[in-house]
Structures are given as C-alpha cells and as structure tokens.
C-alpha cells in the first residue's frame, strides 16, 4: 500500500495519514462425498480513513473488499500455500481499490 501511494518514496512531511483495518473471513465449500471441502473462498474487507496531518480532521473514509477463491486438496502444505496465495491476491486487489478511491477523492477535493 505504501509503495502504491508513494511511487517516488516516502515523503518527508506527508500531508495525510491513512489508517486501514482488515477483516478476513474464509468459507469452505464444494464438498466431496467424504464431506471434505474442495474449494475455499476468502473475503478480505478493509475499512480505511484518511486524516489530514495538519488539522487531524477526517478527510474521507470507505470500505474496499475483495473475494477470491482457492482450491483445497488433501495436502496440508498445498492448502497453506493456496490460502496464502489467495491472501496475497486479495490484499493486492484491496490496495488497488483504496488507491483508486483516494485518487478520485483527492482529484475532486478543493486545494
């Protein structure tokens, strides 16, 4: 997220502070005959607020969400890797969405 918002590096005196709270939920589905799951769905929700560092006032807030699927197999290690990959995809999607929303807000905000 930091790299997406600051492509030229961290500013010395940032104008805003961004706070993000994440909530992750995993649901298993696609049952086999043995009643074990074959598919997982990861939902990542990020609530964010943008604060002015000069005044401490709330500039904007919002929620971004990503839902990604992943396979579940008989191997515990493979499931761990699959879940981790799903987390990385979801984090990337949420970060991009927050970046887009902040860019739109800042483009429309009065100077």
Protein backbone atom coordinates (compact mmCIF):
# COMPACT_ATOMS: atom_id res chain seq x y z
CA UNK A 1 0.00 0.00 0.00
CA UNK A 2 2.78 2.39 0.91
CA UNK A 3 4.53 1.76 -2.41
CA UNK A 4 1.29 2.22 -4.37
CA UNK A 5 0.58 5.57 -2.74
CA UNK A 6 4.19 6.79 -2.78
CA UNK A 7 5.82 5.63 -6.03
CA UNK A 8 8.75 8.04 -5.51
CA UNK A 9 9.38 7.03 -1.90
CA UNK A 10 8.02 8.05 1.49
CA UNK A 11 7.50 11.84 1.71
CA UNK A 12 9.44 13.69 4.39
CA UNK A 13 6.36 15.60 5.54
CA UNK A 14 3.22 13.70 4.47
CA UNK A 15 0.00 15.70 4.18
CA UNK A 16 -2.27 12.81 5.14
CA UNK A 17 -2.36 9.78 7.41
CA UNK A 18 -4.12 6.65 6.19
CA UNK A 19 -5.46 4.12 8.68
CA UNK A 20 -6.64 0.72 7.46
CA UNK A 21 -8.36 -2.05 9.44
CA UNK A 22 -8.53 -5.50 7.80
CA UNK A 23 -11.06 -8.28 8.37
CA UNK A 24 -10.52 -11.68 6.73
CA UNK A 25 -13.06 -14.48 6.52
CA UNK A 26 -12.65 -17.90 4.92
CA UNK A 27 -15.54 -20.12 3.88
CA UNK A 28 -15.17 -23.68 2.64
CA UNK A 29 -17.49 -25.14 0.01
CA UNK A 30 -17.65 -27.69 -2.80
CA UNK A 31 -17.94 -30.82 -0.66
CA UNK A 32 -16.69 -34.24 -1.73
CA UNK A 33 -18.54 -37.42 -0.89
CA UNK A 34 -16.36 -37.66 2.21
CA UNK A 35 -17.75 -34.27 3.27
CA UNK A 36 -14.39 -32.53 2.96
CA UNK A 37 -14.22 -29.17 1.22
CA UNK A 38 -12.65 -28.79 -2.23
CA UNK A 39 -12.90 -25.02 -2.55
CA UNK A 40 -12.29 -22.09 -0.26
CA UNK A 41 -13.48 -18.51 -0.56
CA UNK A 42 -11.52 -15.76 1.13
CA UNK A 43 -13.22 -12.42 1.76
CA UNK A 44 -10.97 -9.54 2.74
CA UNK A 45 -12.61 -6.33 3.88
CA UNK A 46 -10.63 -3.14 4.52
CA UNK A 47 -12.14 -0.15 6.30
CA UNK A 48 -10.00 2.93 5.80
CA UNK A 49 -9.90 6.55 6.91
CA UNK A 50 -7.81 9.39 5.55
CA UNK A 51 -6.86 12.08 8.05
CA UNK A 52 -5.32 15.48 7.45
CA UNK A 53 -2.00 15.62 9.28
CA UNK A 54 -2.25 19.42 9.54
CA UNK A 55 -5.66 19.53 11.25
CA UNK A 56 -6.27 15.94 12.35
CA UNK A 57 -9.68 16.12 10.67
CA UNK A 58 -11.25 13.24 8.80
CA UNK A 59 -10.95 13.79 5.05
CA UNK A 60 -12.69 10.66 3.78
CA UNK A 61 -13.47 7.09 4.73
CA UNK A 62 -14.56 3.98 2.95
CA UNK A 63 -14.53 0.24 2.61
CA UNK A 64 -12.88 -1.88 -0.03
CA UNK A 65 -13.49 -5.60 -0.40
CA UNK A 66 -12.07 -8.50 -2.35
CA UNK A 67 -13.43 -12.01 -2.69
CA UNK A 68 -11.08 -14.66 -4.08
CA UNK A 69 -11.37 -18.41 -4.42
CA UNK A 70 -8.75 -21.07 -3.87
CA UNK A 71 -8.52 -24.85 -4.14
CA UNK A 72 -8.41 -27.20 -1.18
CA UNK A 73 -6.70 -30.57 -1.62
CA UNK A 74 -5.58 -33.44 0.61
CA UNK A 75 -2.18 -31.88 1.32
CA UNK A 76 -1.95 -29.54 4.31
CA UNK A 77 1.07 -27.75 2.86
CA UNK A 78 -0.62 -27.26 -0.52
CA UNK A 79 -3.68 -25.84 1.25
CA UNK A 80 -1.48 -23.44 3.19
CA UNK A 81 0.22 -22.22 0.00
CA UNK A 82 -3.11 -21.91 -1.80
CA UNK A 83 -4.59 -19.91 1.09
CA UNK A 84 -1.51 -17.69 1.25
CA UNK A 85 -1.70 -17.02 -2.49
CA UNK A 86 -5.39 -16.10 -2.13
CA UNK A 87 -4.48 -13.68 0.68
CA UNK A 88 -1.84 -12.01 -1.48
CA UNK A 89 -4.28 -11.60 -4.39
CA UNK A 90 -6.95 -10.17 -2.10
CA UNK A 91 -4.52 -7.74 -0.46
CA UNK A 92 -3.35 -6.53 -3.87
CA UNK A 93 -6.93 -6.01 -5.06
CA UNK A 94 -7.96 -4.15 -1.89
CA UNK A 95 -4.85 -1.95 -2.03
CA UNK A 96 -5.53 -1.05 -5.67
CA UNK A 97 -9.16 -0.24 -4.87
CA UNK A 98 -8.21 2.03 -1.95
CA UNK A 99 -5.62 3.73 -4.15
CA UNK A 100 -8.24 4.39 -6.88
CA UNK A 101 -10.74 5.78 -4.39
CA UNK A 102 -8.19 8.06 -2.73
CA UNK A 103 -7.02 9.31 -6.12
CA UNK A 104 -10.60 10.19 -7.08
CA UNK A 105 -11.21 11.90 -3.74
CA UNK A 106 -8.00 13.95 -3.92
CA UNK A 107 -8.63 14.90 -7.57
CA UNK A 108 -12.05 16.33 -6.62
CA UNK A 109 -11.08 17.84 -3.24
CA UNK A 110 -10.64 21.60 -3.07
CA UNK A 111 -6.99 22.65 -2.72
